[in-house]
């Protein structure tokens, strides 16, 4: 079943950012990360790269679904940050999403915790 088929009418995405320290920024995502939200998500990622924080943390506690396109964007984010000795990690991962990440071995490429 595709992401579009699972999408519920009226679903939205929201982002909030906080800085727990001067070296870390946390981007909290609320809602499903479908393909249609890819451009908005990419804009958020670009801002995080431009910000210069040593650690970029993605808080996915409120993300139940993630499109493969979004997964690719996270991997590209990882590569962009690694070029400058910075890191990305995923925290607060929903159990279902964590299982999905493990199934495709995404957890071996990124620092992911539930």
N, C-alpha and C. Protein backbone atom coordinates (compact mmCIF):
# COMPACT_ATOMS: atom_id res chain seq x y z
N UNK A 1 0.84 -1.17 0.00
CA UNK A 1 0.00 0.00 0.00
C UNK A 1 0.89 1.24 0.00
N UNK A 2 0.61 2.18 -0.87
CA UNK A 2 1.44 3.38 -0.97
C UNK A 2 1.10 4.37 0.14
N UNK A 3 2.01 5.35 0.31
CA UNK A 3 1.79 6.39 1.32
C UNK A 3 0.51 7.17 1.03
N UNK A 4 0.26 7.43 -0.24
CA UNK A 4 -0.92 8.20 -0.61
C UNK A 4 -2.20 7.44 -0.25
N UNK A 5 -2.19 6.13 -0.38
CA UNK A 5 -3.37 5.34 -0.06
C UNK A 5 -3.65 5.34 1.43
N UNK A 6 -2.63 5.42 2.25
CA UNK A 6 -2.80 5.41 3.70
C UNK A 6 -3.15 6.79 4.26
N UNK A 7 -2.93 7.81 3.49
CA UNK A 7 -3.14 9.17 3.97
C UNK A 7 -4.60 9.40 4.33
N UNK A 8 -4.79 10.03 5.47
CA UNK A 8 -6.13 10.38 5.92
C UNK A 8 -6.43 11.83 5.54
N UNK A 9 -7.66 12.15 5.16
CA UNK A 9 -8.01 13.53 4.80
C UNK A 9 -7.70 14.49 5.95
N UNK A 10 -7.15 15.62 5.60
CA UNK A 10 -6.89 16.66 6.58
C UNK A 10 -5.60 16.50 7.39
N UNK A 11 -4.84 15.45 7.12
CA UNK A 11 -3.58 15.28 7.87
C UNK A 11 -2.62 16.41 7.51
N UNK A 12 -1.95 16.87 8.53
CA UNK A 12 -1.00 17.99 8.37
C UNK A 12 0.31 17.63 9.03
N UNK A 13 1.30 18.47 8.77
CA UNK A 13 2.62 18.30 9.35
C UNK A 13 2.98 19.61 10.07
N UNK A 14 3.66 19.48 11.20
CA UNK A 14 4.10 20.67 11.94
C UNK A 14 5.54 20.44 12.39
N UNK A 15 6.30 21.51 12.42
CA UNK A 15 7.69 21.47 12.85
C UNK A 15 7.91 22.48 13.95
N UNK A 16 8.71 22.12 14.92
CA UNK A 16 9.14 23.09 15.94
C UNK A 16 10.61 22.82 16.23
N UNK A 17 11.31 23.89 16.52
CA UNK A 17 12.75 23.78 16.73
C UNK A 17 13.11 24.35 18.09
N UNK A 18 14.04 23.67 18.77
CA UNK A 18 14.56 24.19 20.04
C UNK A 18 16.05 23.88 20.13
N UNK A 19 16.73 24.62 20.95
CA UNK A 19 18.17 24.46 21.14
C UNK A 19 18.45 24.10 22.60
N UNK A 20 18.59 22.81 22.92
CA UNK A 20 18.88 22.44 24.31
C UNK A 20 20.28 22.86 24.75
N UNK A 21 21.17 23.11 23.80
CA UNK A 21 22.51 23.63 24.11
C UNK A 21 22.99 24.41 22.89
N UNK A 22 24.11 25.06 23.02
CA UNK A 22 24.60 25.83 21.86
C UNK A 22 25.15 24.93 20.77
N UNK A 23 25.40 23.65 21.10
CA UNK A 23 25.93 22.70 20.13
C UNK A 23 24.86 21.84 19.48
N UNK A 24 23.63 21.88 20.01
CA UNK A 24 22.60 20.98 19.51
C UNK A 24 21.31 21.72 19.20
N UNK A 25 20.68 21.28 18.12
CA UNK A 25 19.35 21.74 17.77
C UNK A 25 18.46 20.51 17.62
N UNK A 26 17.21 20.64 18.06
CA UNK A 26 16.24 19.56 17.96
C UNK A 26 15.08 20.05 17.08
N UNK A 27 14.82 19.28 16.03
CA UNK A 27 13.66 19.54 15.19
C UNK A 27 12.61 18.50 15.52
N UNK A 28 11.53 18.95 16.13
CA UNK A 28 10.42 18.05 16.46
C UNK A 28 9.43 18.08 15.30
N UNK A 29 9.05 16.89 14.85
CA UNK A 29 8.12 16.76 13.74
C UNK A 29 6.84 16.13 14.27
N UNK A 30 5.72 16.72 13.89
CA UNK A 30 4.42 16.18 14.32
C UNK A 30 3.56 15.93 13.10
N UNK A 31 3.24 14.68 12.88
CA UNK A 31 2.41 14.29 11.75
C UNK A 31 3.14 13.34 10.83
N UNK A 32 2.44 12.85 9.83
CA UNK A 32 3.04 11.89 8.89
C UNK A 32 3.95 12.58 7.89
N UNK A 33 5.07 11.98 7.61
CA UNK A 33 6.00 12.54 6.63
C UNK A 33 5.77 11.88 5.27
N UNK A 34 4.68 12.28 4.61
CA UNK A 34 4.34 11.79 3.29
C UNK A 34 5.16 12.53 2.23
N UNK A 35 5.17 11.97 1.01
CA UNK A 35 5.88 12.61 -0.10
C UNK A 35 5.47 14.06 -0.29
N UNK A 36 4.20 14.35 -0.11
CA UNK A 36 3.71 15.71 -0.37
C UNK A 36 4.30 16.74 0.60
N UNK A 37 4.88 16.29 1.71
CA UNK A 37 5.50 17.20 2.67
C UNK A 37 7.01 17.27 2.49
N UNK A 38 7.54 16.64 1.44
CA UNK A 38 8.98 16.54 1.24
C UNK A 38 9.65 17.90 1.08
N UNK A 39 9.05 18.81 0.33
CA UNK A 39 9.67 20.12 0.12
C UNK A 39 9.73 20.91 1.42
N UNK A 40 8.66 20.86 2.18
CA UNK A 40 8.64 21.58 3.46
C UNK A 40 9.67 20.98 4.42
N UNK A 41 9.76 19.66 4.46
CA UNK A 41 10.75 18.99 5.30
C UNK A 41 12.17 19.35 4.84
N UNK A 42 12.39 19.37 3.53
CA UNK A 42 13.71 19.73 3.01
C UNK A 42 14.10 21.14 3.42
N UNK A 43 13.15 22.05 3.41
CA UNK A 43 13.43 23.42 3.85
C UNK A 43 13.88 23.46 5.30
N UNK A 44 13.24 22.65 6.13
CA UNK A 44 13.64 22.55 7.54
C UNK A 44 15.06 21.99 7.66
N UNK A 45 15.36 20.96 6.89
CA UNK A 45 16.70 20.36 6.94
C UNK A 45 17.77 21.34 6.45
N UNK A 46 17.47 22.07 5.39
CA UNK A 46 18.43 23.06 4.87
C UNK A 46 18.75 24.11 5.93
N UNK A 47 17.73 24.55 6.67
CA UNK A 47 17.95 25.53 7.74
C UNK A 47 18.83 24.95 8.84
N UNK A 48 18.67 23.67 9.13
CA UNK A 48 19.49 23.03 10.17
C UNK A 48 20.94 22.94 9.72
N UNK A 49 21.16 22.61 8.47
CA UNK A 49 22.53 22.54 7.94
C UNK A 49 23.17 23.92 7.98
N UNK A 50 22.43 24.93 7.59
CA UNK A 50 22.95 26.30 7.56
C UNK A 50 23.24 26.83 8.96
N UNK A 51 22.56 26.30 9.96
CA UNK A 51 22.71 26.79 11.32
C UNK A 51 24.04 26.51 11.97
N UNK A 52 24.72 25.48 11.58
CA UNK A 52 26.04 25.21 12.10
C UNK A 52 26.13 24.45 13.41
N UNK A 53 25.02 23.91 13.93
CA UNK A 53 25.06 23.14 15.16
C UNK A 53 25.86 21.86 14.93
N UNK A 54 26.60 21.42 15.94
CA UNK A 54 27.39 20.19 15.83
C UNK A 54 26.50 18.95 15.80
N UNK A 55 25.38 19.02 16.50
CA UNK A 55 24.45 17.88 16.58
C UNK A 55 23.07 18.34 16.13
N UNK A 56 22.53 17.63 15.16
CA UNK A 56 21.17 17.86 14.69
C UNK A 56 20.35 16.65 15.09
N UNK A 57 19.36 16.87 15.94
CA UNK A 57 18.50 15.79 16.43
C UNK A 57 17.11 15.94 15.84
N UNK A 58 16.62 14.85 15.26
CA UNK A 58 15.26 14.82 14.74
C UNK A 58 14.40 14.07 15.75
N UNK A 59 13.39 14.74 16.27
CA UNK A 59 12.48 14.15 17.25
C UNK A 59 11.26 13.63 16.49
N UNK A 60 11.15 12.31 16.39
CA UNK A 60 10.09 11.67 15.61
C UNK A 60 9.05 11.00 16.50
N UNK A 61 8.92 11.43 17.75
CA UNK A 61 7.92 10.83 18.65
C UNK A 61 6.52 10.87 18.07
N UNK A 62 6.20 11.91 17.33
CA UNK A 62 4.84 12.09 16.82
C UNK A 62 4.75 11.84 15.32
N UNK A 63 5.67 11.01 14.82
CA UNK A 63 5.66 10.62 13.41
C UNK A 63 5.37 9.13 13.35
N UNK A 64 4.29 8.77 12.72
CA UNK A 64 3.90 7.36 12.61
C UNK A 64 4.26 6.77 11.25
N UNK A 65 4.32 7.63 10.22
CA UNK A 65 4.56 7.19 8.85
C UNK A 65 5.63 8.07 8.23
N UNK A 66 6.53 7.43 7.48
CA UNK A 66 7.56 8.18 6.78
C UNK A 66 7.72 7.61 5.38
N UNK A 67 7.69 8.47 4.38
CA UNK A 67 7.83 8.05 2.99
C UNK A 67 9.28 7.75 2.68
N UNK A 68 9.51 6.89 1.71
CA UNK A 68 10.88 6.53 1.33
C UNK A 68 11.66 7.76 0.85
N UNK A 69 10.99 8.70 0.21
CA UNK A 69 11.64 9.94 -0.23
C UNK A 69 12.21 10.70 0.97
N UNK A 70 11.49 10.73 2.06
CA UNK A 70 11.93 11.42 3.27
C UNK A 70 13.13 10.69 3.87
N UNK A 71 13.10 9.37 3.85
CA UNK A 71 14.23 8.58 4.35
C UNK A 71 15.50 8.96 3.58
N UNK A 72 15.36 9.09 2.28
CA UNK A 72 16.51 9.51 1.46
C UNK A 72 17.01 10.89 1.83
N UNK A 73 16.10 11.80 2.13
CA UNK A 73 16.50 13.15 2.53
C UNK A 73 17.27 13.13 3.85
N UNK A 74 16.90 12.24 4.74
CA UNK A 74 17.63 12.12 6.01
C UNK A 74 19.04 11.59 5.77
N UNK A 75 19.18 10.64 4.86
CA UNK A 75 20.51 10.13 4.54
C UNK A 75 21.39 11.20 3.89
N UNK A 76 20.80 12.00 3.04
CA UNK A 76 21.55 13.11 2.43
C UNK A 76 21.94 14.12 3.50
N UNK A 77 21.05 14.39 4.45
CA UNK A 77 21.38 15.27 5.57
C UNK A 77 22.59 14.72 6.32
N UNK A 78 22.59 13.43 6.58
CA UNK A 78 23.71 12.79 7.28
C UNK A 78 25.02 13.03 6.52
N UNK A 79 25.01 12.84 5.22
CA UNK A 79 26.22 13.03 4.41
C UNK A 79 26.66 14.49 4.43
N UNK A 80 25.72 15.41 4.31
CA UNK A 80 26.06 16.84 4.32
C UNK A 80 26.69 17.24 5.65
N UNK A 81 26.15 16.72 6.74
CA UNK A 81 26.69 17.06 8.06
C UNK A 81 28.04 16.41 8.29
N UNK A 82 28.20 15.17 7.85
CA UNK A 82 29.47 14.46 8.04
C UNK A 82 30.63 15.18 7.36
N UNK A 83 30.36 15.84 6.25
CA UNK A 83 31.40 16.59 5.54
C UNK A 83 32.04 17.64 6.45
N UNK A 84 31.29 18.10 7.44
CA UNK A 84 31.77 19.15 8.34
C UNK A 84 31.92 18.64 9.78
N UNK A 85 32.05 17.32 9.90
CA UNK A 85 32.23 16.66 11.20
C UNK A 85 31.10 16.98 12.18
N UNK A 86 29.91 16.98 11.63
CA UNK A 86 28.70 17.18 12.43
C UNK A 86 27.89 15.90 12.37
N UNK A 87 26.92 15.75 13.25
CA UNK A 87 26.16 14.50 13.26
C UNK A 87 24.66 14.74 13.32
N UNK A 88 23.93 13.74 12.84
CA UNK A 88 22.47 13.74 12.92
C UNK A 88 22.07 12.49 13.69
N UNK A 89 21.02 12.64 14.46
CA UNK A 89 20.47 11.49 15.18
C UNK A 89 18.96 11.63 15.26
N UNK A 90 18.33 10.49 15.47
CA UNK A 90 16.88 10.45 15.60
C UNK A 90 16.56 9.98 17.00
N UNK A 91 15.72 10.74 17.69
CA UNK A 91 15.34 10.42 19.07
C UNK A 91 13.83 10.38 19.17
N UNK A 92 13.34 9.68 20.16
CA UNK A 92 11.91 9.64 20.42
C UNK A 92 11.13 8.98 19.30
N UNK A 93 11.73 8.01 18.67
CA UNK A 93 11.11 7.37 17.52
C UNK A 93 9.90 6.52 17.94
N UNK A 94 8.78 6.73 17.28
CA UNK A 94 7.58 5.94 17.49
C UNK A 94 7.93 4.45 17.31
N UNK A 95 7.41 3.55 18.15
CA UNK A 95 7.76 2.13 18.04
C UNK A 95 7.53 1.52 16.65
N UNK A 96 6.43 1.87 16.01
CA UNK A 96 6.17 1.36 14.67
C UNK A 96 7.17 1.86 13.66
N UNK A 97 7.51 3.13 13.75
CA UNK A 97 8.48 3.72 12.85
C UNK A 97 9.87 3.12 13.11
N UNK A 98 10.19 2.92 14.38
CA UNK A 98 11.48 2.30 14.74
C UNK A 98 11.58 0.90 14.12
N UNK A 99 10.50 0.14 14.19
CA UNK A 99 10.49 -1.19 13.59
C UNK A 99 10.69 -1.11 12.07
N UNK A 100 10.08 -0.11 11.46
CA UNK A 100 10.26 0.11 10.01
C UNK A 100 11.72 0.43 9.70
N UNK A 101 12.33 1.31 10.50
CA UNK A 101 13.74 1.66 10.29
C UNK A 101 14.64 0.44 10.44
N UNK A 102 14.37 -0.38 11.44
CA UNK A 102 15.16 -1.59 11.66
C UNK A 102 14.99 -2.58 10.51
N UNK A 103 13.78 -2.69 9.99
CA UNK A 103 13.51 -3.63 8.90
C UNK A 103 14.34 -3.32 7.65
N UNK A 104 14.59 -2.05 7.40
CA UNK A 104 15.39 -1.66 6.24
C UNK A 104 16.83 -1.32 6.62
N UNK A 105 17.18 -1.64 7.86
CA UNK A 105 18.54 -1.45 8.40
C UNK A 105 18.99 0.01 8.43
N UNK A 106 18.02 0.89 8.50
CA UNK A 106 18.30 2.32 8.59
C UNK A 106 19.00 2.64 9.91
N UNK A 107 18.69 1.84 10.94
CA UNK A 107 19.30 2.04 12.25
C UNK A 107 20.80 1.78 12.24
N UNK A 108 21.29 1.07 11.26
CA UNK A 108 22.74 0.80 11.16
C UNK A 108 23.48 2.00 10.57
N UNK A 109 22.75 2.88 9.88
CA UNK A 109 23.38 4.04 9.25
C UNK A 109 23.30 5.29 10.12
N UNK A 110 22.30 5.31 11.00
CA UNK A 110 22.06 6.49 11.82
C UNK A 110 21.96 6.10 13.29
N UNK A 111 22.18 7.07 14.13
CA UNK A 111 22.00 6.92 15.57
C UNK A 111 20.52 7.12 15.87
N UNK A 112 19.79 6.01 16.05
CA UNK A 112 18.35 6.08 16.27
C UNK A 112 18.01 5.45 17.61
N UNK A 113 17.20 6.16 18.39
CA UNK A 113 16.72 5.62 19.67
C UNK A 113 15.22 5.89 19.79
N UNK A 114 14.55 4.94 20.47
CA UNK A 114 13.12 5.11 20.68
C UNK A 114 12.82 6.14 21.69
